[in-house]
């Protein structure tokens, strides 16, 4: 009795149709994993974004030194009794910030700054827990796409490093005559937060398409536009670090006129600190001046990049760069408004949140330049 023929078999041929490529089966499996991993990364993204916002509020309210010990595990439990609160307040009274700045602070006022710092640290613990549950869950289930274990493990390592840097930052304000954390340590802490957020966003974009689709899209990449977006990314990162230095020493509240500073292009006494290098970190006039200048450079380079992107053959790429340019303009306006009002907490937080949005939009535009989305004539 003759065997049944496949409907895909050539008529008049005894050769059976070739089986489906194994790669298709791998892609079918990884598609499900990719969606799940993207959802996990989305949760991490929101948590890290919230962490940056709470960290900004902690700095702007001078709350970062309210907890004077680093207890990664037991510190998750806040003071529960009047005796516990009294002990915490007594610890705070031993540091320079209390002695030099808040000597008249009441216990109730102390609780206000304590909760900001406790919330900031608690969010860090939650992020670590969410990362661990997701990573080990997908790993044990064998659902990671090929080559993704080192990348996603790296996120956890950077998160742990961030916790250590956070304490390194806080410890700088517990001795000597410091009434706040060291500004350069704050810049390192915030800079690493943006690196982690950027990696999460980039990985999520990578996982939004299959490996086959990414390989195909890369053949249509626009190298020059990708390079310009990379330059935007680097310059924006420098500006973020300068923003952290500005916030770290309250430099945004020193010169509130614009476009001049104290009536001059270059503010008075920009190099009054000794040695010279200290001025770039601790001289409020020079720190704010540098933040302004790099902002102007970033805006100018952004305009050139958007004009270059207008000639892209891909509508989605053009749109991504246009949105990036619009956010850049909004961030510049927001920065000027924040400056003119003396950097109040709500405007400072809005400006920081704008930096996060701009950072993500630069990454999104860069991804489109590297992996364009091909649109059909009908779709166009």
Protein backbone atom coordinates (compact mmCIF):
# COMPACT_ATOMS: atom_id res chain seq x y z
CA UNK A 1 0.00 0.00 0.00
CA UNK A 2 1.50 3.31 -1.03
CA UNK A 3 2.25 5.91 1.60
CA UNK A 4 0.37 9.19 1.70
CA UNK A 5 2.16 12.07 0.01
CA UNK A 6 2.69 15.44 1.57
CA UNK A 7 0.68 18.18 -0.04
CA UNK A 8 3.98 20.12 -0.31
CA UNK A 9 5.70 17.32 -2.23
CA UNK A 10 6.47 17.94 -5.89
CA UNK A 11 4.10 15.98 -8.13
CA UNK A 12 5.81 13.04 -9.81
CA UNK A 13 8.72 13.06 -7.38
CA UNK A 14 9.70 10.54 -4.72
CA UNK A 15 11.72 13.14 -2.81
CA UNK A 16 9.94 14.31 0.33
CA UNK A 17 9.67 17.96 1.17
CA UNK A 18 12.48 19.23 3.37
CA UNK A 19 11.51 19.54 7.03
CA UNK A 20 11.12 22.97 8.55
CA UNK A 21 14.41 24.54 9.59
CA UNK A 22 15.31 24.07 13.21
CA UNK A 23 15.88 27.78 13.42
CA UNK A 24 12.18 28.25 12.95
CA UNK A 25 11.52 26.08 15.98
CA UNK A 26 14.08 28.03 18.00
CA UNK A 27 12.49 31.29 16.95
CA UNK A 28 9.07 29.93 17.86
CA UNK A 29 10.33 29.08 21.33
CA UNK A 30 12.30 32.28 21.78
CA UNK A 31 9.37 34.45 20.69
CA UNK A 32 7.46 33.41 23.76
CA UNK A 33 10.53 33.90 25.95
CA UNK A 34 11.26 37.24 24.33
CA UNK A 35 7.80 38.53 25.15
CA UNK A 36 8.08 37.36 28.75
CA UNK A 37 11.56 38.81 29.19
CA UNK A 38 10.41 42.10 27.68
CA UNK A 39 7.57 42.27 30.21
CA UNK A 40 10.05 41.60 33.04
CA UNK A 41 12.37 44.30 31.67
CA UNK A 42 9.44 46.71 31.44
CA UNK A 43 8.77 46.23 35.16
CA UNK A 44 12.45 46.82 35.90
CA UNK A 45 12.42 49.92 33.70
CA UNK A 46 9.51 51.46 35.60
CA UNK A 47 11.14 50.63 38.93
CA UNK A 48 14.50 52.14 37.94
CA UNK A 49 12.70 55.20 36.56
CA UNK A 50 10.89 55.58 39.88
CA UNK A 51 14.20 55.06 41.69
CA UNK A 52 15.79 57.94 39.77
CA UNK A 53 12.83 60.20 40.57
CA UNK A 54 12.87 59.33 44.28
CA UNK A 55 16.64 59.73 44.32
CA UNK A 56 16.25 63.21 42.84
CA UNK A 57 13.69 64.13 45.48
CA UNK A 58 15.97 62.72 48.18
CA UNK A 59 18.78 64.96 47.01
CA UNK A 60 16.67 68.09 46.53
CA UNK A 61 15.15 67.73 50.01
CA UNK A 62 18.60 67.10 51.59
CA UNK A 63 17.38 63.74 52.88
CA UNK A 64 20.23 61.52 51.72
CA UNK A 65 22.17 61.60 55.01
CA UNK A 66 19.23 60.87 57.30
CA UNK A 67 20.18 57.17 57.55
CA UNK A 68 23.77 56.94 58.73
CA UNK A 69 24.26 53.16 58.48
CA UNK A 70 24.25 50.69 55.63
CA UNK A 71 22.22 47.61 56.51
CA UNK A 72 21.27 45.89 53.23
CA UNK A 73 18.97 43.36 54.93
CA UNK A 74 17.92 44.56 58.38
CA UNK A 75 17.64 48.14 57.11
CA UNK A 76 14.49 47.16 55.24
CA UNK A 77 12.57 47.45 58.51
CA UNK A 78 11.98 51.11 59.47
CA UNK A 79 11.82 52.36 63.08
CA UNK A 80 8.67 50.96 64.68
CA UNK A 81 8.71 52.38 68.21
CA UNK A 82 9.45 55.78 69.78
CA UNK A 83 12.69 54.29 71.11
CA UNK A 84 13.73 53.23 67.59
CA UNK A 85 13.02 56.72 66.25
CA UNK A 86 14.95 58.31 69.06
CA UNK A 87 17.96 56.10 68.32
CA UNK A 88 17.86 56.94 64.59
CA UNK A 89 17.56 60.64 65.34
CA UNK A 90 20.48 60.43 67.77
CA UNK A 91 22.63 58.83 65.06
CA UNK A 92 21.73 61.67 62.70
CA UNK A 93 22.63 64.25 65.35
CA UNK A 94 26.22 63.02 65.30
CA UNK A 95 26.93 64.00 61.67
CA UNK A 96 28.02 67.42 60.35
CA UNK A 97 24.79 68.07 58.43
CA UNK A 98 22.81 68.20 61.66
CA UNK A 99 25.43 70.17 63.60
CA UNK A 100 26.07 72.76 60.87
CA UNK A 101 22.73 72.94 59.08
CA UNK A 102 19.86 71.41 61.04
CA UNK A 103 20.71 71.95 64.71
CA UNK A 104 17.15 73.09 65.44
CA UNK A 105 15.48 70.16 63.67
CA UNK A 106 12.70 68.39 65.55
CA UNK A 107 12.04 64.65 65.57
CA UNK A 108 8.97 65.17 63.38
CA UNK A 109 11.04 67.08 60.81
CA UNK A 110 13.64 64.34 60.92
CA UNK A 111 11.00 61.76 60.08
CA UNK A 112 10.19 63.74 56.94
CA UNK A 113 13.69 63.41 55.52
CA UNK A 114 14.13 59.87 56.88
CA UNK A 115 11.22 58.50 54.84
CA UNK A 116 12.65 59.85 51.58
CA UNK A 117 15.96 58.06 52.11
CA UNK A 118 14.31 54.91 53.43
CA UNK A 119 12.00 54.82 50.39
CA UNK A 120 14.98 55.27 48.08
CA UNK A 121 16.85 52.37 49.66
CA UNK A 122 13.71 50.24 49.80
CA UNK A 123 13.17 50.70 46.08
CA UNK A 124 16.71 49.47 45.53
CA UNK A 125 15.87 46.29 47.44
CA UNK A 126 12.68 45.80 45.42
CA UNK A 127 14.58 46.23 42.16
CA UNK A 128 17.13 43.64 43.26
CA UNK A 129 14.38 41.21 44.21
CA UNK A 130 12.48 41.67 40.93
CA UNK A 131 15.69 41.18 38.95
CA UNK A 132 16.60 38.03 40.89
CA UNK A 133 13.13 36.47 40.58
CA UNK A 134 12.98 37.16 36.87
CA UNK A 135 16.53 36.16 36.03
CA UNK A 136 16.61 32.89 37.94
CA UNK A 137 13.05 32.07 36.94
CA UNK A 138 13.78 32.35 33.20
CA UNK A 139 17.16 30.68 33.66
CA UNK A 140 15.80 27.64 35.50
CA UNK A 141 13.00 27.33 32.94
CA UNK A 142 15.57 27.49 30.11
CA UNK A 143 13.72 30.35 28.44
CA UNK A 144 16.60 32.71 27.74
CA UNK A 145 17.36 33.20 24.02
CA UNK A 146 20.86 32.23 22.97
CA UNK A 147 23.49 34.70 24.15
CA UNK A 148 21.25 36.62 26.52
CA UNK A 149 22.32 35.17 29.88
CA UNK A 150 25.53 37.30 30.19
CA UNK A 151 23.69 40.50 29.25
CA UNK A 152 20.87 40.06 31.74
CA UNK A 153 23.24 38.79 34.43
CA UNK A 154 25.24 41.95 33.86
CA UNK A 155 22.18 44.02 34.80
CA UNK A 156 22.12 42.33 38.20
CA UNK A 157 25.84 42.90 38.71
CA UNK A 158 25.47 46.58 37.86
CA UNK A 159 22.52 46.81 40.25
CA UNK A 160 24.61 45.38 43.08
CA UNK A 161 27.45 47.74 42.22
CA UNK A 162 24.98 50.62 42.29
CA UNK A 163 24.00 49.77 45.86
CA UNK A 164 27.64 49.82 46.94
CA UNK A 165 28.24 53.13 45.15
CA UNK A 166 25.16 54.52 46.89
CA UNK A 167 26.69 53.85 50.28
CA UNK A 168 30.08 55.16 49.08
CA UNK A 169 28.24 58.35 48.16
CA UNK A 170 26.37 58.64 51.47
CA UNK A 171 29.50 57.95 53.53
CA UNK A 172 31.16 61.03 52.01
CA UNK A 173 28.75 63.25 53.93
CA UNK A 174 29.06 61.63 57.35
CA UNK A 175 32.44 63.03 58.40
CA UNK A 176 34.46 66.22 58.23
CA UNK A 177 32.49 69.38 57.52
CA UNK A 178 30.31 68.04 54.70
CA UNK A 179 26.63 68.95 54.90
CA UNK A 180 25.75 66.95 51.78
CA UNK A 181 27.17 64.03 49.82
CA UNK A 182 30.19 64.65 47.60
CA UNK A 183 28.95 65.96 44.25
CA UNK A 184 31.29 63.83 42.16
CA UNK A 185 30.12 60.68 43.96
CA UNK A 186 26.55 61.77 43.32
CA UNK A 187 27.44 62.10 39.62
CA UNK A 188 28.85 58.57 39.55
CA UNK A 189 25.72 57.25 41.28
CA UNK A 190 23.32 59.00 38.90
CA UNK A 191 25.44 58.19 35.87
CA UNK A 192 25.34 54.47 36.63
CA UNK A 193 21.56 54.68 37.13
CA UNK A 194 21.22 56.08 33.60
CA UNK A 195 23.52 53.37 32.23
CA UNK A 196 21.34 50.68 33.83
CA UNK A 197 18.15 52.34 32.57
CA UNK A 198 19.64 52.67 29.08
CA UNK A 199 20.68 49.01 28.96
CA UNK A 200 17.21 47.90 30.04
CA UNK A 201 15.60 50.05 27.34
CA UNK A 202 18.04 48.85 24.65
CA UNK A 203 17.55 45.20 25.57
CA UNK A 204 13.77 45.63 25.47
CA UNK A 205 14.04 47.14 21.99
CA UNK A 206 16.28 44.28 20.87
CA UNK A 207 13.77 41.74 22.12
CA UNK A 208 10.87 43.44 20.35
CA UNK A 209 11.90 41.69 17.13
CA UNK A 210 13.28 38.26 16.34
CA UNK A 211 16.99 37.72 15.75
CA UNK A 212 16.25 36.99 12.09
CA UNK A 213 14.37 40.28 11.72
CA UNK A 214 17.20 42.20 13.38
CA UNK A 215 19.79 40.63 11.09
CA UNK A 216 17.72 41.51 8.08
CA UNK A 217 17.12 45.07 9.30
CA UNK A 218 20.81 45.62 9.98
CA UNK A 219 21.54 45.25 6.26
CA UNK A 220 19.60 48.49 5.77
CA UNK A 221 21.27 50.33 8.64
CA UNK A 222 22.34 53.96 8.24
CA UNK A 223 25.86 54.02 9.71
CA UNK A 224 26.36 57.78 9.65
CA UNK A 225 23.03 58.46 11.32
CA UNK A 226 23.76 55.73 13.85
CA UNK A 227 27.13 57.35 14.57
CA UNK A 228 25.52 60.75 15.08
CA UNK A 229 22.95 59.24 17.45
CA UNK A 230 25.81 57.59 19.35
CA UNK A 231 27.48 60.98 19.61
CA UNK A 232 24.23 62.42 20.94
CA UNK A 233 24.12 59.63 23.51
CA UNK A 234 27.65 60.34 24.73
CA UNK A 235 27.14 64.10 24.89
CA UNK A 236 23.82 63.66 26.72
CA UNK A 237 25.58 61.43 29.25
CA UNK A 238 28.17 64.14 29.92
CA UNK A 239 25.32 66.60 30.40
CA UNK A 240 23.61 64.24 32.86
CA UNK A 241 26.81 64.02 34.91
CA UNK A 242 27.12 67.81 34.87
CA UNK A 243 23.50 68.04 35.98
CA UNK A 244 24.32 65.81 38.93
CA UNK A 245 27.27 68.02 39.86
CA UNK A 246 25.01 71.07 39.60
CA UNK A 247 22.40 69.52 41.88
CA UNK A 248 25.05 68.17 44.25
CA UNK A 249 26.27 71.62 45.26
CA UNK A 250 23.01 73.52 44.57
CA UNK A 251 24.77 75.37 41.76
CA UNK A 252 21.46 75.88 39.95
CA UNK A 253 20.36 78.31 42.65
CA UNK A 254 23.37 80.63 42.45
CA UNK A 255 22.91 82.46 39.16
CA UNK A 256 19.26 82.70 38.16
CA UNK A 257 19.60 85.07 35.20
CA UNK A 258 19.73 83.88 31.60
CA UNK A 259 21.38 83.89 29.09
CA UNK A 260 24.05 85.72 31.10
CA UNK A 261 25.38 84.72 34.52
CA UNK A 262 25.52 87.57 36.99
CA UNK A 263 25.47 89.93 34.02
CA UNK A 264 28.47 88.26 32.32
CA UNK A 265 29.01 85.52 29.77
CA UNK A 266 31.63 83.90 32.02
CA UNK A 267 30.58 84.23 35.67
CA UNK A 268 32.81 86.00 38.23
CA UNK A 269 35.56 83.98 39.93
CA UNK A 270 35.17 80.71 37.96
CA UNK A 271 38.59 79.46 39.12
CA UNK A 272 38.74 80.64 42.72
CA UNK A 273 39.22 77.17 44.23
CA UNK A 274 42.68 75.68 44.83
CA UNK A 275 43.85 73.37 43.36
CA UNK A 276 42.49 74.23 39.92
CA UNK A 277 40.71 70.92 39.29
CA UNK A 278 38.41 71.43 42.29
CA UNK A 279 36.65 74.25 40.44
CA UNK A 280 35.14 71.77 37.97
CA UNK A 281 33.46 69.92 40.84
CA UNK A 282 32.99 72.42 43.68
CA UNK A 283 32.88 75.92 42.19
CA UNK A 284 29.16 76.61 41.78
CA UNK A 285 29.70 79.28 39.14
CA UNK A 286 31.89 77.12 36.90
CA UNK A 287 29.78 73.98 37.39
CA UNK A 288 26.62 75.80 36.31
CA UNK A 289 28.47 77.45 33.41
CA UNK A 290 29.70 74.08 32.15
CA UNK A 291 26.19 72.64 32.45
CA UNK A 292 24.85 75.50 30.33
CA UNK A 293 27.57 75.26 27.65
CA UNK A 294 27.22 71.50 27.18
CA UNK A 295 23.45 71.99 27.00
CA UNK A 296 23.91 74.44 24.13
CA UNK A 297 26.29 72.04 22.37
CA UNK A 298 23.87 69.15 22.80
CA UNK A 299 21.00 71.19 21.41
CA UNK A 300 23.02 72.35 18.38
CA UNK A 301 24.25 68.83 17.62
CA UNK A 302 20.71 67.55 18.08
CA UNK A 303 19.39 69.98 15.47
CA UNK A 304 22.04 68.84 12.99
CA UNK A 305 21.22 65.19 13.72
CA UNK A 306 17.48 65.70 13.21
CA UNK A 307 18.12 67.49 9.89
CA UNK A 308 20.30 64.57 8.81
CA UNK A 309 17.59 62.10 9.82
CA UNK A 310 15.03 63.88 7.64
CA UNK A 311 16.79 62.37 4.63
CA UNK A 312 16.36 58.82 5.92
CA UNK A 313 14.49 56.45 3.61
CA UNK A 314 12.58 54.99 6.56
CA UNK A 315 9.53 56.88 7.93
CA UNK A 316 9.82 55.30 11.39
CA UNK A 317 13.43 56.42 11.66
CA UNK A 318 12.54 59.97 10.67
CA UNK A 319 9.75 60.00 13.23
CA UNK A 320 12.00 58.65 16.01
CA UNK A 321 14.58 61.39 15.44
CA UNK A 322 11.90 64.07 15.17
CA UNK A 323 10.47 63.04 18.55
CA UNK A 324 13.99 63.07 19.99
CA UNK A 325 14.48 66.62 18.70
CA UNK A 326 11.15 67.77 20.14
CA UNK A 327 12.05 66.33 23.55
CA UNK A 328 15.46 67.99 23.36
CA UNK A 329 13.83 71.37 22.76
CA UNK A 330 11.39 70.81 25.62
CA UNK A 331 14.24 69.84 27.95
CA UNK A 332 16.18 73.00 27.10
CA UNK A 333 13.11 75.15 27.80
CA UNK A 334 12.46 73.27 31.03
CA UNK A 335 16.07 73.76 32.09
CA UNK A 336 15.87 77.53 31.54
CA UNK A 337 12.56 77.77 33.43
CA UNK A 338 14.01 75.74 36.31
CA UNK A 339 17.02 78.05 36.44
CA UNK A 340 14.99 81.27 36.36
CA UNK A 341 12.89 80.07 39.31
CA UNK A 342 15.91 79.10 41.43
CA UNK A 343 15.56 75.32 40.94
CA UNK A 344 12.62 74.55 43.26
CA UNK A 345 12.02 70.87 44.02
CA UNK A 346 9.10 70.36 41.62
CA UNK A 347 10.88 71.96 38.66
CA UNK A 348 14.13 70.17 39.49
CA UNK A 349 12.31 66.84 39.44
CA UNK A 350 10.57 67.74 36.18
CA UNK A 351 13.91 68.63 34.62
CA UNK A 352 15.43 65.35 35.77
CA UNK A 353 12.44 63.40 34.43
CA UNK A 354 12.89 65.24 31.13
CA UNK A 355 16.49 64.03 31.04
CA UNK A 356 15.25 60.44 31.43
CA UNK A 357 12.76 60.84 28.57
CA UNK A 358 15.39 62.42 26.34
CA UNK A 359 17.86 59.64 27.18
CA UNK A 360 15.36 56.96 26.16
CA UNK A 361 14.34 58.80 22.99
CA UNK A 362 17.98 59.12 21.91
CA UNK A 363 18.37 55.38 22.45
CA UNK A 364 15.18 54.68 20.48
CA UNK A 365 16.32 56.86 17.57
CA UNK A 366 19.74 55.19 17.65
CA UNK A 367 18.09 51.76 17.52
CA UNK A 368 16.02 52.78 14.50
CA UNK A 369 19.18 53.97 12.73
CA UNK A 370 20.84 50.61 13.44
CA UNK A 371 17.81 48.41 12.81
CA UNK A 372 15.36 50.28 10.56
CA UNK A 373 11.76 49.14 10.38
CA UNK A 374 10.97 48.57 6.73
CA UNK A 375 7.57 49.93 5.83
CA UNK A 376 5.62 48.72 2.81
CA UNK A 377 4.44 51.11 0.12
CA UNK A 378 0.87 50.52 1.29
CA UNK A 379 1.88 51.21 4.90
CA UNK A 380 3.69 54.39 3.87
